[in-house]
Amino acid sequence: MKKAAVVLASVVLAVLFSTAVVLAATKTYQVTGPVLEVSDTMIAVQKGKDRWEIARDASTKVTGDLKVGAKVTIEYRMTATSVEVKAATKSTSKKSK
């Protein structure tokens, strides 16, 4: 019985460790500035002269009163949603004999 508990605990720890490694591998970024617009799916922030639109959903953690004009720091990750691989082009630099 103790052997089974040790094996189960080892498996649980291995899964938790591998999940933590995968999550840690995704780099996070930040943008800070005044809020220009807020909706259920997006927050727009002024960064210098640029308008940054960051997507959000129900799982986005918000602390404080998020409203237009508030200064915020948004932490985000860049994740690919799709990848299109283009066909390789033929090389035109063949030497003639």
N, C-alpha and C. Protein backbone atom coordinates (compact mmCIF):
# COMPACT_ATOMS: atom_id res chain seq x y z
N MET A 1 0.82 -1.20 0.00
CA MET A 1 0.00 0.00 0.00
C MET A 1 0.87 1.26 0.00
N LYS A 2 1.93 1.24 0.83
CA LYS A 2 2.83 2.39 0.89
C LYS A 2 3.54 2.58 -0.44
N LYS A 3 3.86 1.46 -1.09
CA LYS A 3 4.55 1.52 -2.38
C LYS A 3 3.67 2.20 -3.42
N ALA A 4 2.39 1.89 -3.42
CA ALA A 4 1.44 2.51 -4.36
C ALA A 4 1.31 3.99 -4.09
N ALA A 5 1.30 4.39 -2.83
CA ALA A 5 1.20 5.80 -2.48
C ALA A 5 2.44 6.56 -2.94
N VAL A 6 3.60 5.95 -2.79
CA VAL A 6 4.86 6.58 -3.23
C VAL A 6 4.87 6.74 -4.74
N VAL A 7 4.43 5.71 -5.45
CA VAL A 7 4.38 5.78 -6.91
C VAL A 7 3.39 6.86 -7.36
N LEU A 8 2.23 6.90 -6.74
CA LEU A 8 1.23 7.91 -7.09
C LEU A 8 1.75 9.32 -6.81
N ALA A 9 2.39 9.51 -5.67
CA ALA A 9 2.95 10.81 -5.34
C ALA A 9 4.03 11.20 -6.34
N SER A 10 4.84 10.26 -6.76
CA SER A 10 5.89 10.53 -7.75
C SER A 10 5.30 10.96 -9.08
N VAL A 11 4.24 10.28 -9.50
CA VAL A 11 3.58 10.63 -10.76
C VAL A 11 2.97 12.02 -10.67
N VAL A 12 2.32 12.33 -9.57
CA VAL A 12 1.70 13.65 -9.40
C VAL A 12 2.77 14.73 -9.43
N LEU A 13 3.87 14.53 -8.74
CA LEU A 13 4.96 15.51 -8.74
C LEU A 13 5.56 15.68 -10.13
N ALA A 14 5.71 14.60 -10.85
CA ALA A 14 6.26 14.68 -12.21
C ALA A 14 5.35 15.49 -13.12
N VAL A 15 4.06 15.27 -13.02
CA VAL A 15 3.09 16.02 -13.84
C VAL A 15 3.12 17.49 -13.47
N LEU A 16 3.12 17.80 -12.18
CA LEU A 16 3.16 19.19 -11.74
C LEU A 16 4.43 19.88 -12.20
N PHE A 17 5.55 19.20 -12.09
CA PHE A 17 6.83 19.78 -12.51
C PHE A 17 6.86 20.03 -14.01
N SER A 18 6.38 19.06 -14.80
CA SER A 18 6.41 19.25 -16.26
C SER A 18 5.46 20.36 -16.68
N THR A 19 4.33 20.52 -16.01
CA THR A 19 3.40 21.62 -16.30
C THR A 19 4.04 22.96 -15.98
N ALA A 20 4.73 23.04 -14.86
CA ALA A 20 5.39 24.28 -14.47
C ALA A 20 6.47 24.66 -15.46
N VAL A 21 7.21 23.69 -15.97
CA VAL A 21 8.26 23.96 -16.95
C VAL A 21 7.66 24.49 -18.24
N VAL A 22 6.57 23.90 -18.69
CA VAL A 22 5.91 24.36 -19.92
C VAL A 22 5.39 25.78 -19.74
N LEU A 23 4.75 26.07 -18.62
CA LEU A 23 4.23 27.41 -18.39
C LEU A 23 5.35 28.44 -18.24
N ALA A 24 6.44 28.06 -17.65
CA ALA A 24 7.56 28.97 -17.47
C ALA A 24 8.26 29.27 -18.79
N ALA A 25 8.12 28.39 -19.76
CA ALA A 25 8.79 28.57 -21.04
C ALA A 25 8.15 29.68 -21.88
N THR A 26 6.88 30.00 -21.64
CA THR A 26 6.21 31.04 -22.39
C THR A 26 6.59 32.40 -21.81
N LYS A 27 7.27 33.21 -22.59
CA LYS A 27 7.75 34.51 -22.12
C LYS A 27 6.57 35.48 -21.97
N THR A 28 6.63 36.30 -20.93
CA THR A 28 5.60 37.31 -20.72
C THR A 28 6.15 38.69 -21.03
N TYR A 29 5.26 39.60 -21.42
CA TYR A 29 5.61 40.97 -21.77
C TYR A 29 4.69 41.90 -21.00
N GLN A 30 5.04 43.20 -20.97
CA GLN A 30 4.20 44.18 -20.30
C GLN A 30 4.03 45.41 -21.16
N VAL A 31 2.89 46.05 -21.02
CA VAL A 31 2.65 47.36 -21.62
C VAL A 31 1.96 48.21 -20.55
N THR A 32 2.43 49.45 -20.39
CA THR A 32 1.88 50.36 -19.38
C THR A 32 1.42 51.64 -20.05
N GLY A 33 0.27 52.14 -19.62
CA GLY A 33 -0.23 53.41 -20.15
C GLY A 33 -1.67 53.63 -19.74
N PRO A 34 -2.22 54.77 -20.17
CA PRO A 34 -3.61 55.05 -19.85
C PRO A 34 -4.56 54.23 -20.73
N VAL A 35 -5.68 53.82 -20.14
CA VAL A 35 -6.68 53.04 -20.86
C VAL A 35 -7.46 53.97 -21.79
N LEU A 36 -7.57 53.59 -23.06
CA LEU A 36 -8.34 54.36 -24.04
C LEU A 36 -9.75 53.80 -24.23
N GLU A 37 -9.86 52.47 -24.11
CA GLU A 37 -11.14 51.81 -24.35
C GLU A 37 -11.14 50.47 -23.62
N VAL A 38 -12.29 50.06 -23.12
CA VAL A 38 -12.43 48.78 -22.42
C VAL A 38 -13.69 48.09 -22.91
N SER A 39 -13.59 46.79 -23.20
CA SER A 39 -14.76 45.98 -23.51
C SER A 39 -14.56 44.62 -22.86
N ASP A 40 -15.53 43.73 -23.03
CA ASP A 40 -15.41 42.38 -22.47
C ASP A 40 -14.31 41.57 -23.15
N THR A 41 -13.91 41.98 -24.35
CA THR A 41 -12.94 41.19 -25.11
C THR A 41 -11.63 41.91 -25.40
N MET A 42 -11.49 43.19 -24.97
CA MET A 42 -10.32 43.95 -25.35
C MET A 42 -10.08 45.12 -24.39
N ILE A 43 -8.79 45.44 -24.20
CA ILE A 43 -8.39 46.65 -23.48
C ILE A 43 -7.45 47.42 -24.41
N ALA A 44 -7.74 48.69 -24.68
CA ALA A 44 -6.88 49.52 -25.52
C ALA A 44 -6.09 50.47 -24.61
N VAL A 45 -4.77 50.51 -24.80
CA VAL A 45 -3.87 51.31 -23.98
C VAL A 45 -3.04 52.20 -24.89
N GLN A 46 -2.77 53.44 -24.45
CA GLN A 46 -1.90 54.36 -25.18
C GLN A 46 -0.46 54.12 -24.72
N LYS A 47 0.41 53.74 -25.66
CA LYS A 47 1.84 53.57 -25.36
C LYS A 47 2.60 54.49 -26.29
N GLY A 48 3.05 55.59 -25.75
CA GLY A 48 3.68 56.60 -26.59
C GLY A 48 2.64 57.17 -27.54
N LYS A 49 2.93 57.12 -28.84
CA LYS A 49 1.96 57.58 -29.84
C LYS A 49 1.09 56.45 -30.38
N ASP A 50 1.38 55.22 -29.93
CA ASP A 50 0.69 54.04 -30.45
C ASP A 50 -0.48 53.62 -29.57
N ARG A 51 -1.49 53.05 -30.21
CA ARG A 51 -2.63 52.47 -29.51
C ARG A 51 -2.44 50.96 -29.53
N TRP A 52 -2.33 50.36 -28.35
CA TRP A 52 -2.17 48.91 -28.23
C TRP A 52 -3.50 48.31 -27.83
N GLU A 53 -3.97 47.32 -28.59
CA GLU A 53 -5.19 46.60 -28.26
C GLU A 53 -4.81 45.20 -27.82
N ILE A 54 -5.11 44.88 -26.56
CA ILE A 54 -4.79 43.58 -25.99
C ILE A 54 -6.10 42.83 -25.77
N ALA A 55 -6.18 41.62 -26.31
CA ALA A 55 -7.38 40.81 -26.14
C ALA A 55 -7.48 40.31 -24.71
N ARG A 56 -8.71 40.12 -24.24
CA ARG A 56 -8.94 39.55 -22.91
C ARG A 56 -10.19 38.69 -22.94
N ASP A 57 -10.32 37.83 -21.91
CA ASP A 57 -11.50 36.99 -21.79
C ASP A 57 -11.89 36.89 -20.32
N ALA A 58 -12.79 35.99 -20.01
CA ALA A 58 -13.29 35.87 -18.64
C ALA A 58 -12.20 35.44 -17.66
N SER A 59 -11.14 34.81 -18.15
CA SER A 59 -10.08 34.35 -17.25
C SER A 59 -9.03 35.42 -16.96
N THR A 60 -9.12 36.59 -17.61
CA THR A 60 -8.17 37.67 -17.38
C THR A 60 -8.37 38.24 -15.98
N LYS A 61 -7.30 38.22 -15.18
CA LYS A 61 -7.37 38.72 -13.81
C LYS A 61 -7.23 40.24 -13.83
N VAL A 62 -8.19 40.94 -13.23
CA VAL A 62 -8.16 42.40 -13.14
C VAL A 62 -8.21 42.78 -11.67
N THR A 63 -7.22 43.59 -11.24
CA THR A 63 -7.25 44.11 -9.88
C THR A 63 -7.46 45.61 -9.96
N GLY A 64 -8.39 46.13 -9.20
CA GLY A 64 -8.69 47.56 -9.22
C GLY A 64 -9.84 47.87 -10.15
N ASP A 65 -10.10 49.17 -10.31
CA ASP A 65 -11.23 49.66 -11.11
C ASP A 65 -10.75 49.94 -12.53
N LEU A 66 -11.02 49.01 -13.44
CA LEU A 66 -10.59 49.14 -14.83
C LEU A 66 -11.58 50.02 -15.58
N LYS A 67 -11.12 51.22 -15.97
CA LYS A 67 -12.00 52.14 -16.70
C LYS A 67 -11.14 53.05 -17.58
N VAL A 68 -11.77 53.71 -18.53
CA VAL A 68 -11.08 54.63 -19.43
C VAL A 68 -10.40 55.72 -18.60
N GLY A 69 -9.12 55.98 -18.93
CA GLY A 69 -8.35 57.00 -18.24
C GLY A 69 -7.46 56.46 -17.15
N ALA A 70 -7.75 55.26 -16.63
CA ALA A 70 -6.93 54.67 -15.57
C ALA A 70 -5.58 54.26 -16.14
N LYS A 71 -4.50 54.45 -15.35
CA LYS A 71 -3.18 53.99 -15.77
C LYS A 71 -3.06 52.53 -15.37
N VAL A 72 -2.71 51.68 -16.32
CA VAL A 72 -2.64 50.24 -16.08
C VAL A 72 -1.31 49.68 -16.58
N THR A 73 -0.96 48.55 -16.04
CA THR A 73 0.13 47.73 -16.57
C THR A 73 -0.49 46.39 -16.91
N ILE A 74 -0.39 46.01 -18.18
CA ILE A 74 -0.96 44.76 -18.66
C ILE A 74 0.18 43.79 -18.92
N GLU A 75 0.07 42.60 -18.34
CA GLU A 75 1.02 41.53 -18.61
C GLU A 75 0.36 40.60 -19.62
N TYR A 76 1.08 40.28 -20.69
CA TYR A 76 0.50 39.44 -21.73
C TYR A 76 1.54 38.48 -22.27
N ARG A 77 1.09 37.51 -23.04
CA ARG A 77 1.95 36.53 -23.70
C ARG A 77 1.64 36.53 -25.18
N MET A 78 2.65 36.27 -25.98
CA MET A 78 2.42 36.14 -27.41
C MET A 78 2.31 34.64 -27.72
N THR A 79 1.16 34.25 -28.23
CA THR A 79 0.90 32.86 -28.56
C THR A 79 0.36 32.78 -29.98
N ALA A 80 0.94 31.91 -30.76
CA ALA A 80 0.48 31.74 -32.14
C ALA A 80 -0.91 31.12 -32.16
N THR A 81 -1.78 31.67 -33.00
CA THR A 81 -3.11 31.09 -33.17
C THR A 81 -3.18 30.25 -34.44
N SER A 82 -2.29 30.54 -35.40
CA SER A 82 -2.20 29.71 -36.60
C SER A 82 -0.85 29.95 -37.26
N VAL A 83 -0.41 28.96 -38.03
CA VAL A 83 0.85 29.06 -38.76
C VAL A 83 0.61 28.54 -40.16
N GLU A 84 0.96 29.33 -41.16
CA GLU A 84 0.84 28.91 -42.56
C GLU A 84 2.24 28.80 -43.13
N VAL A 85 2.61 27.60 -43.55
CA VAL A 85 3.94 27.36 -44.11
C VAL A 85 3.85 27.54 -45.62
N LYS A 86 4.71 28.38 -46.15
CA LYS A 86 4.74 28.65 -47.59
C LYS A 86 5.64 27.62 -48.27
N ALA A 87 5.34 27.31 -49.53
CA ALA A 87 6.16 26.40 -50.30
C ALA A 87 7.51 27.03 -50.58
N ALA A 88 8.54 26.21 -50.55
CA ALA A 88 9.88 26.70 -50.83
C ALA A 88 9.99 27.12 -52.29
N THR A 89 10.72 28.21 -52.54
CA THR A 89 10.90 28.66 -53.92
C THR A 89 12.12 28.00 -54.51
N LYS A 90 12.12 27.81 -55.84
CA LYS A 90 13.25 27.21 -56.52
C LYS A 90 14.40 28.20 -56.55
N SER A 91 15.59 27.70 -56.39
CA SER A 91 16.78 28.54 -56.42
C SER A 91 17.08 28.96 -57.85
N THR A 92 17.32 30.23 -58.09
CA THR A 92 17.60 30.73 -59.44
C THR A 92 19.09 30.94 -59.67
N SER A 93 19.91 30.55 -58.70
CA SER A 93 21.35 30.78 -58.83
C SER A 93 22.12 29.51 -59.21
N LYS A 94 21.56 28.74 -60.19
CA LYS A 94 22.25 27.55 -60.67
C LYS A 94 23.33 27.96 -61.65
N LYS A 95 24.48 27.34 -61.51
CA LYS A 95 25.60 27.65 -62.41
C LYS A 95 25.50 26.77 -63.66
N SER A 96 25.74 27.37 -64.82
CA SER A 96 25.73 26.58 -66.07
C SER A 96 27.14 26.15 -66.38
N LYS A 97 27.27 24.97 -67.00
CA LYS A 97 28.59 24.42 -67.31
C LYS A 97 29.01 24.73 -68.70
